[in-house]
C-alpha atoms as a PDB file:
ATOM      1  CA  MET A   1      -9.686 -25.056  33.414  1.00  0.00           C
ATOM      2  CA  GLY A   2     -10.795 -24.135  29.898  1.00  0.00           C
ATOM      3  CA  MET A   3      -8.946 -24.647  26.667  1.00  0.00           C
ATOM      4  CA  LYS A   4      -8.640 -23.546  23.041  1.00  0.00           C
ATOM      5  CA  ALA A   5      -9.493 -25.895  20.191  1.00  0.00           C
ATOM      6  CA  ILE A   6     -10.468 -26.201  16.551  1.00  0.00           C
ATOM      7  CA  VAL A   7     -14.209 -26.878  16.348  1.00  0.00           C
ATOM      8  CA  PRO A   8     -15.313 -28.265  12.969  1.00  0.00           C
ATOM      9  CA  SER A   9     -18.720 -28.398  11.434  1.00  0.00           C
ATOM     10  CA  SER A  10     -19.486 -31.674   9.690  1.00  0.00           C
ATOM     11  CA  SER A  11     -18.978 -29.982   6.286  1.00  0.00           C
ATOM     12  CA  SER A  12     -15.347 -29.081   7.041  1.00  0.00           C
ATOM     13  CA  ARG A  13     -13.942 -31.983   9.072  1.00  0.00           C
ATOM     14  CA  ASP A  14     -10.993 -32.758   6.767  1.00  0.00           C
ATOM     15  CA  LEU A  15      -9.869 -29.153   6.529  1.00  0.00           C
ATOM     16  CA  ALA A  16     -10.270 -28.672  10.287  1.00  0.00           C
ATOM     17  CA  ILE A  17      -8.030 -31.689  10.946  1.00  0.00           C
ATOM     18  CA  ALA A  18      -5.369 -30.249   8.642  1.00  0.00           C
ATOM     19  CA  LEU A  19      -5.695 -26.812  10.266  1.00  0.00           C
ATOM     20  CA  ALA A  20      -5.386 -28.290  13.772  1.00  0.00           C
ATOM     21  CA  ALA A  21      -2.125 -29.944  12.677  1.00  0.00           C
ATOM     22  CA  GLU A  22      -0.850 -26.659  11.216  1.00  0.00           C
ATOM     23  CA  LEU A  23      -1.622 -24.726  14.408  1.00  0.00           C
ATOM     24  CA  GLY A  24      -0.770 -27.447  16.936  1.00  0.00           C
ATOM     25  CA  LEU A  25      -4.234 -27.242  18.488  1.00  0.00           C
ATOM     26  CA  PRO A  26      -6.574 -30.029  19.548  1.00  0.00           C
ATOM     27  CA  LEU A  27      -9.703 -30.858  17.599  1.00  0.00           C
ATOM     28  CA  SER A  28     -12.977 -30.648  19.503  1.00  0.00           C
ATOM     29  CA  VAL A  29     -15.710 -32.299  17.441  1.00  0.00           C
ATOM     30  CA  PRO A  30     -19.248 -31.372  18.484  1.00  0.00           C
ATOM     31  CA  GLU A  31     -21.935 -33.966  18.970  1.00  0.00           C
ATOM     32  CA  TYR A  32     -24.190 -34.009  15.931  1.00  0.00           C
ATOM     33  CA  ARG A  33     -27.509 -35.705  15.368  1.00  0.00           C
ATOM     34  CA  ARG A  34     -30.897 -35.101  13.802  1.00  0.00           C
ATOM     35  CA  PHE A  35     -34.275 -34.956  15.417  1.00  0.00           C
ATOM     36  CA  PRO A  36     -36.981 -37.178  13.902  1.00  0.00           C
ATOM     37  CA  ASP A  37     -38.349 -34.203  11.937  1.00  0.00           C
ATOM     38  CA  GLY A  38     -34.946 -33.585  10.325  1.00  0.00           C
ATOM     39  CA  GLU A  39     -33.881 -30.618  12.444  1.00  0.00           C
ATOM     40  CA  ILE A  40     -30.196 -30.452  13.416  1.00  0.00           C
ATOM     41  CA  TYR A  41     -28.897 -30.915  16.960  1.00  0.00           C
ATOM     42  CA  VAL A  42     -25.382 -29.927  18.046  1.00  0.00           C
ATOM     43  CA  ARG A  43     -23.611 -29.899  21.394  1.00  0.00           C
ATOM     44  CA  VAL A  44     -20.128 -28.437  21.955  1.00  0.00           C
ATOM     45  CA  ASP A  45     -17.564 -28.995  24.702  1.00  0.00           C
ATOM     46  CA  SER A  46     -18.716 -26.659  27.487  1.00  0.00           C
ATOM     47  CA  THR A  47     -15.180 -26.330  28.922  1.00  0.00           C
ATOM     48  CA  LEU A  48     -13.811 -24.414  25.937  1.00  0.00           C
ATOM     49  CA  ASP A  49     -12.546 -20.889  26.619  1.00  0.00           C
ATOM     50  CA  SER A  50     -11.944 -20.074  22.972  1.00  0.00           C
ATOM     51  CA  ALA A  51     -12.363 -21.804  19.653  1.00  0.00           C
ATOM     52  CA  ILE A  52     -11.568 -21.529  15.984  1.00  0.00           C
ATOM     53  CA  VAL A  53     -14.767 -22.699  14.331  1.00  0.00           C
ATOM     54  CA  VAL A  54     -14.398 -24.108  10.817  1.00  0.00           C
ATOM     55  CA  GLY A  55     -17.524 -24.467   8.728  1.00  0.00           C
ATOM     56  CA  ASN A  56     -19.033 -23.801   5.307  1.00  0.00           C
ATOM     57  CA  THR A  57     -22.285 -21.987   4.693  1.00  0.00           C
ATOM     58  CA  TRP A  58     -23.163 -24.331   1.801  1.00  0.00           C
ATOM     59  CA  PRO A  59     -25.219 -26.426   1.424  1.00  0.00           C
ATOM     60  CA  ASN A  60     -28.114 -25.114   3.505  1.00  0.00           C
ATOM     61  CA  ASP A  61     -27.758 -27.617   6.350  1.00  0.00           C
ATOM     62  CA  SER A  62     -24.147 -26.533   6.781  1.00  0.00           C
ATOM     63  CA  LEU A  63     -25.213 -22.925   7.273  1.00  0.00           C
ATOM     64  CA  ILE A  64     -27.711 -23.889   9.980  1.00  0.00           C
ATOM     65  CA  GLU A  65     -25.166 -26.158  11.651  1.00  0.00           C
ATOM     66  CA  LEU A  66     -22.527 -23.409  11.729  1.00  0.00           C
ATOM     67  CA  LEU A  67     -24.965 -20.930  13.300  1.00  0.00           C
ATOM     68  CA  LEU A  68     -25.952 -23.473  15.954  1.00  0.00           C
ATOM     69  CA  ILE A  69     -22.293 -24.192  16.786  1.00  0.00           C
ATOM     70  CA  LEU A  70     -21.543 -20.489  17.172  1.00  0.00           C
ATOM     71  CA  ASP A  71     -24.570 -19.964  19.394  1.00  0.00           C
ATOM     72  CA  ALA A  72     -23.671 -22.969  21.551  1.00  0.00           C
ATOM     73  CA  LEU A  73     -20.120 -21.709  22.045  1.00  0.00           C
ATOM     74  CA  SER A  74     -21.410 -18.244  22.874  1.00  0.00           C
ATOM     75  CA  ASN A  75     -23.734 -19.760  25.456  1.00  0.00           C
ATOM     76  CA  VAL A  76     -20.798 -21.384  27.300  1.00  0.00           C
ATOM     77  CA  GLY A  77     -18.781 -18.152  27.184  1.00  0.00           C
ATOM     78  CA  ALA A  78     -16.224 -19.231  24.587  1.00  0.00           C
ATOM     79  CA  GLU A  79     -14.647 -16.570  22.363  1.00  0.00           C
ATOM     80  CA  THR A  80     -14.618 -17.579  18.708  1.00  0.00           C
ATOM     81  CA  VAL A  81     -12.963 -16.828  15.398  1.00  0.00           C
ATOM     82  CA  THR A  82     -14.881 -18.322  12.494  1.00  0.00           C
ATOM     83  CA  VAL A  83     -13.184 -19.756   9.423  1.00  0.00           C
ATOM     84  CA  ILE A  84     -15.575 -20.078   6.484  1.00  0.00           C
ATOM     85  CA  PRO A  85     -13.791 -22.153   3.838  1.00  0.00           C
ATOM     86  CA  TYR A  86     -16.560 -21.772   1.263  1.00  0.00           C
ATOM     87  CA  LEU A  87     -18.998 -18.908   1.702  1.00  0.00           C
ATOM     88  CA  GLY A  88     -22.260 -20.197   0.327  1.00  0.00           C
ATOM     89  CA  TYR A  89     -24.625 -17.422  -0.800  1.00  0.00           C
ATOM     90  CA  GLY A  90     -21.562 -15.266  -1.469  1.00  0.00           C
ATOM     91  CA  ARG A  91     -22.354 -14.968  -5.170  1.00  0.00           C
ATOM     92  CA  GLN A  92     -25.636 -13.145  -4.416  1.00  0.00           C
ATOM     93  CA  ASP A  93     -23.654 -10.143  -3.197  1.00  0.00           C
ATOM     94  CA  ARG A  94     -26.166  -7.577  -4.454  1.00  0.00           C
ATOM     95  CA  ALA A  95     -29.783  -7.396  -5.560  1.00  0.00           C
ATOM     96  CA  PHE A  96     -29.417  -8.019  -9.294  1.00  0.00           C
ATOM     97  CA  LEU A  97     -33.171  -7.614  -9.878  1.00  0.00           C
ATOM     98  CA  PRO A  98     -35.824  -5.661  -7.967  1.00  0.00           C
ATOM     99  CA  GLY A  99     -37.258  -7.715  -5.141  1.00  0.00           C
ATOM    100  CA  GLU A 100     -34.158  -9.876  -4.558  1.00  0.00           C
ATOM    101  CA  PRO A 101     -32.355 -10.196  -1.208  1.00  0.00           C
ATOM    102  CA  VAL A 102     -28.648  -9.533  -0.740  1.00  0.00           C
ATOM    103  CA  SER A 103     -28.056 -13.080   0.465  1.00  0.00           C
ATOM    104  CA  ALA A 104     -24.359 -12.597   1.241  1.00  0.00           C
ATOM    105  CA  ARG A 105     -25.239  -9.761   3.615  1.00  0.00           C
ATOM    106  CA  VAL A 106     -27.912 -11.827   5.365  1.00  0.00           C
ATOM    107  CA  VAL A 107     -25.416 -14.632   6.054  1.00  0.00           C
ATOM    108  CA  ALA A 108     -22.686 -12.211   7.137  1.00  0.00           C
ATOM    109  CA  ASP A 109     -25.023 -10.410   9.544  1.00  0.00           C
ATOM    110  CA  ALA A 110     -26.071 -13.645  11.237  1.00  0.00           C
ATOM    111  CA  ILE A 111     -22.493 -14.863  11.720  1.00  0.00           C
ATOM    112  CA  SER A 112     -21.132 -11.472  12.825  1.00  0.00           C
ATOM    113  CA  ARG A 113     -23.496 -11.437  15.795  1.00  0.00           C
ATOM    114  CA  MET A 114     -21.832 -14.514  17.311  1.00  0.00           C
ATOM    115  CA  THR A 115     -18.086 -14.290  16.627  1.00  0.00           C
ATOM    116  CA  ARG A 116     -15.277 -11.793  17.133  1.00  0.00           C
ATOM    117  CA  GLY A 117     -13.571 -12.369  13.781  1.00  0.00           C
ATOM    118  CA  VAL A 118     -13.933 -14.133  10.442  1.00  0.00           C
ATOM    119  CA  VAL A 119     -11.530 -15.654   7.924  1.00  0.00           C
ATOM    120  CA  LEU A 120     -12.853 -16.233   4.401  1.00  0.00           C
ATOM    121  CA  VAL A 121     -11.061 -18.352   1.821  1.00  0.00           C
ATOM    122  CA  ASP A 122     -11.097 -16.713  -1.625  1.00  0.00           C
ATOM    123  CA  PRO A 123     -14.605 -15.245  -1.476  1.00  0.00           C
ATOM    124  CA  HIS A 124     -16.228 -14.810  -4.871  1.00  0.00           C
ATOM    125  CA  SER A 125     -16.608 -11.067  -4.333  1.00  0.00           C
ATOM    126  CA  TYR A 126     -14.855  -8.629  -2.047  1.00  0.00           C
ATOM    127  CA  LEU A 127     -18.263  -7.144  -1.323  1.00  0.00           C
ATOM    128  CA  ASP A 128     -18.717 -10.299   0.758  1.00  0.00           C
ATOM    129  CA  VAL A 129     -15.963  -9.140   3.108  1.00  0.00           C
ATOM    130  CA  SER A 130     -17.589  -5.751   3.612  1.00  0.00           C
ATOM    131  CA  TYR A 131     -20.837  -7.276   4.860  1.00  0.00           C
ATOM    132  CA  PHE A 132     -19.282  -8.689   8.033  1.00  0.00           C
ATOM    133  CA  SER A 133     -19.365  -6.267  10.943  1.00  0.00           C
ATOM    134  CA  VAL A 134     -16.444  -7.915  12.760  1.00  0.00           C
ATOM    135  CA  LYS A 135     -12.781  -8.060  11.771  1.00  0.00           C
ATOM    136  CA  THR A 136     -12.667 -10.100   8.550  1.00  0.00           C
ATOM    137  CA  MET A 137      -9.589 -11.298   6.693  1.00  0.00           C
ATOM    138  CA  VAL A 138      -9.091 -13.255   3.499  1.00  0.00           C
ATOM    139  CA  ALA A 139      -6.875 -16.289   2.969  1.00  0.00           C
ATOM    140  CA  THR A 140      -6.068 -17.225  -0.602  1.00  0.00           C
ATOM    141  CA  ALA A 141      -5.436 -20.802  -1.691  1.00  0.00           C
ATOM    142  CA  PHE A 142      -4.481 -19.899  -5.277  1.00  0.00           C
ATOM    143  CA  PRO A 143      -0.797 -20.619  -4.489  1.00  0.00           C
ATOM    144  CA  GLY A 144      -1.889 -24.230  -3.962  1.00  0.00           C
ATOM    145  CA  ILE A 145      -3.216 -24.224  -7.514  1.00  0.00           C
ATOM    146  CA  GLY A 146       0.108 -22.780  -8.630  1.00  0.00           C
ATOM    147  CA  GLU A 147       2.016 -25.655  -7.033  1.00  0.00           C
ATOM    148  CA  ARG A 148      -0.165 -28.187  -8.865  1.00  0.00           C
ATOM    149  CA  PHE A 149       0.288 -26.284 -12.134  1.00  0.00           C
ATOM    150  CA  ARG A 150       4.051 -26.364 -11.640  1.00  0.00           C
ATOM    151  CA  GLU A 151       3.919 -30.149 -11.178  1.00  0.00           C
ATOM    152  CA  GLU A 152       1.838 -30.476 -14.362  1.00  0.00           C
ATOM    153  CA  GLY A 153       4.325 -28.445 -16.417  1.00  0.00           C
ATOM    154  CA  VAL A 154       1.861 -25.638 -17.158  1.00  0.00           C
ATOM    155  CA  ASP A 155       3.365 -22.937 -19.383  1.00  0.00           C
ATOM    156  CA  LEU A 156       0.213 -20.826 -19.849  1.00  0.00           C
ATOM    157  CA  VAL A 157      -2.074 -19.910 -16.947  1.00  0.00           C
ATOM    158  CA  LEU A 158      -5.530 -18.990 -18.181  1.00  0.00           C
ATOM    159  CA  ALA A 159      -8.384 -17.215 -16.392  1.00  0.00           C
ATOM    160  CA  PRO A 160     -11.756 -17.935 -18.015  1.00  0.00           C
ATOM    161  CA  ASP A 161     -12.835 -14.322 -17.493  1.00  0.00           C
ATOM    162  CA  LYS A 162     -11.515 -10.925 -16.510  1.00  0.00           C
ATOM    163  CA  GLY A 163     -12.659 -11.465 -12.917  1.00  0.00           C
ATOM    164  CA  ARG A 164      -9.815 -13.903 -12.278  1.00  0.00           C
ATOM    165  CA  ALA A 165      -7.189 -12.219 -14.477  1.00  0.00           C
ATOM    166  CA  ARG A 166      -5.333 -10.954 -11.396  1.00  0.00           C
ATOM    167  CA  GLU A 167      -5.084 -14.454  -9.923  1.00  0.00           C
ATOM    168  CA  ALA A 168      -3.933 -15.863 -13.270  1.00  0.00           C
ATOM    169  CA  ALA A 169      -1.177 -13.239 -13.354  1.00  0.00           C
ATOM    170  CA  GLN A 170      -0.146 -13.991  -9.768  1.00  0.00           C
ATOM    171  CA  VAL A 171       0.015 -17.734 -10.366  1.00  0.00           C
ATOM    172  CA  GLY A 172       1.772 -17.235 -13.710  1.00  0.00           C
ATOM    173  CA  ARG A 173       4.470 -15.122 -12.076  1.00  0.00           C
ATOM    174  CA  MET A 174       4.737 -17.629  -9.227  1.00  0.00           C
ATOM    175  CA  ILE A 175       5.557 -20.540 -11.548  1.00  0.00           C
ATOM    176  CA  GLY A 176       7.356 -18.512 -14.241  1.00  0.00           C
ATOM    177  CA  SER A 177       4.796 -19.058 -16.990  1.00  0.00           C
ATOM    178  CA  ASP A 178       2.822 -16.899 -19.381  1.00  0.00           C
ATOM    179  CA  TYR A 179      -0.702 -15.895 -18.401  1.00  0.00           C
ATOM    180  CA  ALA A 180      -3.827 -14.639 -20.133  1.00  0.00           C
ATOM    181  CA  HIS A 181      -7.572 -14.312 -19.709  1.00  0.00           C
ATOM    182  CA  LEU A 182     -10.680 -14.724 -21.829  1.00  0.00           C
ATOM    183  CA  GLU A 183     -13.788 -12.540 -21.862  1.00  0.00           C
ATOM    184  CA  LYS A 184     -17.062 -14.070 -20.700  1.00  0.00           C
ATOM    185  CA  ARG A 185     -20.684 -13.104 -21.201  1.00  0.00           C
ATOM    186  CA  ARG A 186     -23.120 -15.158 -19.148  1.00  0.00           C
ATOM    187  CA  ILE A 187     -26.261 -16.208 -21.049  1.00  0.00           C
ATOM    188  CA  ASP A 188     -27.988 -17.978 -18.150  1.00  0.00           C
ATOM    189  CA  ALA A 189     -27.109 -19.963 -15.014  1.00  0.00           C
ATOM    190  CA  GLU A 190     -25.461 -22.776 -17.009  1.00  0.00           C
ATOM    191  CA  HIS A 191     -24.345 -21.236 -20.323  1.00  0.00           C
ATOM    192  CA  VAL A 192     -21.753 -18.610 -21.228  1.00  0.00           C
ATOM    193  CA  GLU A 193     -20.266 -17.086 -24.367  1.00  0.00           C
ATOM    194  CA  MET A 194     -16.470 -16.722 -24.421  1.00  0.00           C
ATOM    195  CA  THR A 195     -14.120 -14.644 -26.566  1.00  0.00           C
ATOM    196  CA  GLY A 196     -10.456 -13.695 -26.511  1.00  0.00           C
ATOM    197  CA  ASP A 197      -7.327 -13.780 -28.668  1.00  0.00           C
ATOM    198  CA  VAL A 198      -5.002 -16.259 -26.942  1.00  0.00           C
ATOM    199  CA  ASP A 199      -2.342 -18.427 -28.644  1.00  0.00           C
ATOM    200  CA  PHE A 200      -2.820 -21.981 -27.325  1.00  0.00           C
ATOM    201  CA  GLU A 201      -0.796 -23.841 -29.960  1.00  0.00           C
ATOM    202  CA  GLY A 202       1.419 -26.491 -28.330  1.00  0.00           C
ATOM    203  CA  ARG A 203       0.931 -25.121 -24.820  1.00  0.00           C
ATOM    204  CA  VAL A 204       0.230 -26.855 -21.524  1.00  0.00           C
ATOM    205  CA  VAL A 205      -2.689 -24.744 -20.355  1.00  0.00           C
ATOM    206  CA  GLY A 206      -3.712 -24.414 -16.728  1.00  0.00           C
ATOM    207  CA  ILE A 207      -7.218 -22.976 -16.339  1.00  0.00           C
ATOM    208  CA  LEU A 208      -7.989 -21.581 -12.894  1.00  0.00           C
ATOM    209  CA  ASP A 209     -11.068 -20.227 -11.167  1.00  0.00           C
ATOM    210  CA  ASP A 210     -12.265 -19.638  -7.634  1.00  0.00           C
ATOM    211  CA  ILE A 211     -15.385 -21.837  -7.968  1.00  0.00           C
ATOM    212  CA  ILE A 212     -16.396 -24.666 -10.249  1.00  0.00           C
ATOM    213  CA  SER A 213     -20.145 -25.081  -9.887  1.00  0.00           C
ATOM    214  CA  THR A 214     -22.012 -26.367 -12.960  1.00  0.00           C
ATOM    215  CA  GLY A 215     -18.811 -26.398 -15.010  1.00  0.00           C
ATOM    216  CA  GLY A 216     -20.107 -24.366 -17.952  1.00  0.00           C
ATOM    217  CA  THR A 217     -17.448 -21.665 -17.782  1.00  0.00           C
ATOM    218  CA  ILE A 218     -14.537 -24.073 -17.384  1.00  0.00           C
ATOM    219  CA  ALA A 219     -15.802 -26.393 -20.126  1.00  0.00           C
ATOM    220  CA  MET A 220     -16.023 -23.547 -22.607  1.00  0.00           C
ATOM    221  CA  ALA A 221     -12.532 -22.292 -21.745  1.00  0.00           C
ATOM    222  CA  ALA A 222     -11.134 -25.825 -22.044  1.00  0.00           C
ATOM    223  CA  GLU A 223     -12.847 -26.291 -25.402  1.00  0.00           C
ATOM    224  CA  ARG A 224     -11.301 -23.075 -26.717  1.00  0.00           C
ATOM    225  CA  ALA A 225      -7.858 -24.217 -25.550  1.00  0.00           C
ATOM    226  CA  ARG A 226      -8.301 -27.617 -27.229  1.00  0.00           C
ATOM    227  CA  LYS A 227      -9.515 -26.115 -30.493  1.00  0.00           C
ATOM    228  CA  GLY A 228      -6.612 -23.678 -30.362  1.00  0.00           C
ATOM    229  CA  GLY A 229      -4.100 -26.519 -30.352  1.00  0.00           C
ATOM    230  CA  ALA A 230      -3.223 -26.883 -26.656  1.00  0.00           C
ATOM    231  CA  ARG A 231      -1.058 -29.943 -26.006  1.00  0.00           C
ATOM    232  CA  ARG A 232      -2.568 -30.534 -22.554  1.00  0.00           C
ATOM    233  CA  VAL A 233      -5.278 -28.822 -20.493  1.00  0.00           C
ATOM    234  CA  VAL A 234      -5.476 -29.001 -16.704  1.00  0.00           C
ATOM    235  CA  VAL A 235      -7.986 -27.283 -14.444  1.00  0.00           C
ATOM    236  CA  GLY A 236      -7.624 -26.049 -10.876  1.00  0.00           C
ATOM    237  CA  CYS A 237     -10.014 -24.278  -8.538  1.00  0.00           C
ATOM    238  CA  VAL A 238     -10.262 -23.411  -4.867  1.00  0.00           C
ATOM    239  CA  HIS A 239     -13.907 -24.389  -4.297  1.00  0.00           C
ATOM    240  CA  GLY A 240     -14.958 -27.466  -6.247  1.00  0.00           C
ATOM    241  CA  LEU A 241     -18.735 -27.841  -6.005  1.00  0.00           C
ATOM    242  CA  PHE A 242     -19.186 -29.896  -9.209  1.00  0.00           C
ATOM    243  CA  VAL A 243     -22.974 -29.764  -9.184  1.00  0.00           C
ATOM    244  CA  GLY A 244     -25.361 -31.033 -11.835  1.00  0.00           C
ATOM    245  CA  ARG A 245     -23.622 -32.117 -15.049  1.00  0.00           C
ATOM    246  CA  ALA A 246     -20.284 -30.480 -14.194  1.00  0.00           C
ATOM    247  CA  ARG A 247     -18.277 -33.692 -14.384  1.00  0.00           C
ATOM    248  CA  GLU A 248     -19.593 -34.778 -17.755  1.00  0.00           C
ATOM    249  CA  ARG A 249     -19.074 -31.270 -19.125  1.00  0.00           C
ATOM    250  CA  ILE A 250     -15.470 -30.914 -17.986  1.00  0.00           C
ATOM    251  CA  LEU A 251     -13.807 -34.327 -17.879  1.00  0.00           C
ATOM    252  CA  PRO A 252     -13.900 -35.152 -21.629  1.00  0.00           C
ATOM    253  CA  LEU A 253     -12.064 -31.893 -22.370  1.00  0.00           C
ATOM    254  CA  VAL A 254      -9.222 -31.927 -19.830  1.00  0.00           C
ATOM    255  CA  ASP A 255      -6.278 -34.040 -18.707  1.00  0.00           C
ATOM    256  CA  ALA A 256      -6.567 -33.316 -14.967  1.00  0.00           C
ATOM    257  CA  VAL A 257      -8.870 -31.541 -12.512  1.00  0.00           C
ATOM    258  CA  PHE A 258      -8.050 -30.600  -8.933  1.00  0.00           C
ATOM    259  CA  SER A 259      -9.447 -28.470  -6.128  1.00  0.00           C
ATOM    260  CA  SER A 260      -8.761 -27.689  -2.481  1.00  0.00           C
ATOM    261  CA  ASP A 261     -10.349 -29.161   0.621  1.00  0.00           C
ATOM    262  CA  THR A 262     -12.675 -26.196   1.234  1.00  0.00           C
ATOM    263  CA  VAL A 263     -15.230 -28.538  -0.342  1.00  0.00           C
ATOM    264  CA  VAL A 264     -14.119 -32.171  -0.370  1.00  0.00           C
ATOM    265  CA  THR A 265     -14.714 -34.211  -3.531  1.00  0.00           C
ATOM    266  CA  GLU A 266     -12.795 -36.816  -5.501  1.00  0.00           C
ATOM    267  CA  PHE A 267     -10.886 -33.895  -7.077  1.00  0.00           C
ATOM    268  CA  THR A 268      -9.486 -32.576  -3.782  1.00  0.00           C
ATOM    269  CA  LYS A 269      -5.700 -32.618  -4.153  1.00  0.00           C
ATOM    270  CA  PHE A 270      -4.407 -29.918  -1.800  1.00  0.00           C
ATOM    271  CA  SER A 271      -5.301 -28.250   1.470  1.00  0.00           C
ATOM    272  CA  ALA A 272      -6.138 -24.630   2.160  1.00  0.00           C
ATOM    273  CA  ALA A 273      -5.023 -25.138   5.785  1.00  0.00           C
ATOM    274  CA  PRO A 274      -1.510 -23.599   5.502  1.00  0.00           C
ATOM    275  CA  TYR A 275      -2.902 -20.431   3.958  1.00  0.00           C
ATOM    276  CA  ILE A 276      -5.642 -20.144   6.590  1.00  0.00           C
ATOM    277  CA  ALA A 277      -3.095 -20.726   9.377  1.00  0.00           C
ATOM    278  CA  ASN A 278      -0.970 -17.841   8.083  1.00  0.00           C
ATOM    279  CA  VAL A 279      -3.925 -15.463   8.268  1.00  0.00           C
ATOM    280  CA  LEU A 280      -5.027 -16.688  11.701  1.00  0.00           C
ATOM    281  CA  GLY A 281      -1.540 -15.871  12.933  1.00  0.00           C
ATOM    282  CA  VAL A 282      -2.229 -12.161  12.466  1.00  0.00           C
ATOM    283  CA  MET A 283      -5.926 -12.058  13.491  1.00  0.00           C
END
């Protein structure tokens, strides 16, 4: 007789374990290995009737692995819902210049062909949701940032740009603090210009964002808070990529950094699993 299980990709093992505990479901870990030429091999439990597949689409190997898992489960007749903790390629949600692909749509199309539903965790753009052709819901882990901010005594929640002003307001109201946002103009992939009239004097500032990638945006916001007289500066994000020189940019300017387990690093301090479980309950 078949069964239902949580099936993790290798990029999302920790989160899948936490989600299995939340839902009271077993974990079914596929067999993974590489062929001599570097290609990825996966094999799933062929007795599964249905599965919640948990896997990122970043970095590139994780995207290929997730597609192979979904195809393998489809081949054995298992129905799937796919949880994508971090949607890689989600930031290329439109063709910004002539000749560019809409990478988010390409990824969404491929996944939609092999699953009956998708859960995204705080996608960078809500255009990303629209590109999936199956039922797609969003789980938000920003309340987890709010809980950490509360523990740190944050009294001013700051979004580094207008794009996260709504989340800053939600978290601010959640913990009973003030909230504000800066204005950002991106110069290139690693550098931004930031403006905004915010009173930081004597405050414990909590800077939040959905993604920390190269760290340029967060570093500039933290520097403004420090120069404005902030007593402490802490940083929280959902998806902590911390690529390139992100650590050396951010760490000298802040008192604490934390992120969720959508991408596991040394800064992972809370799990997105409870928020994903809530959404799966109404899929």
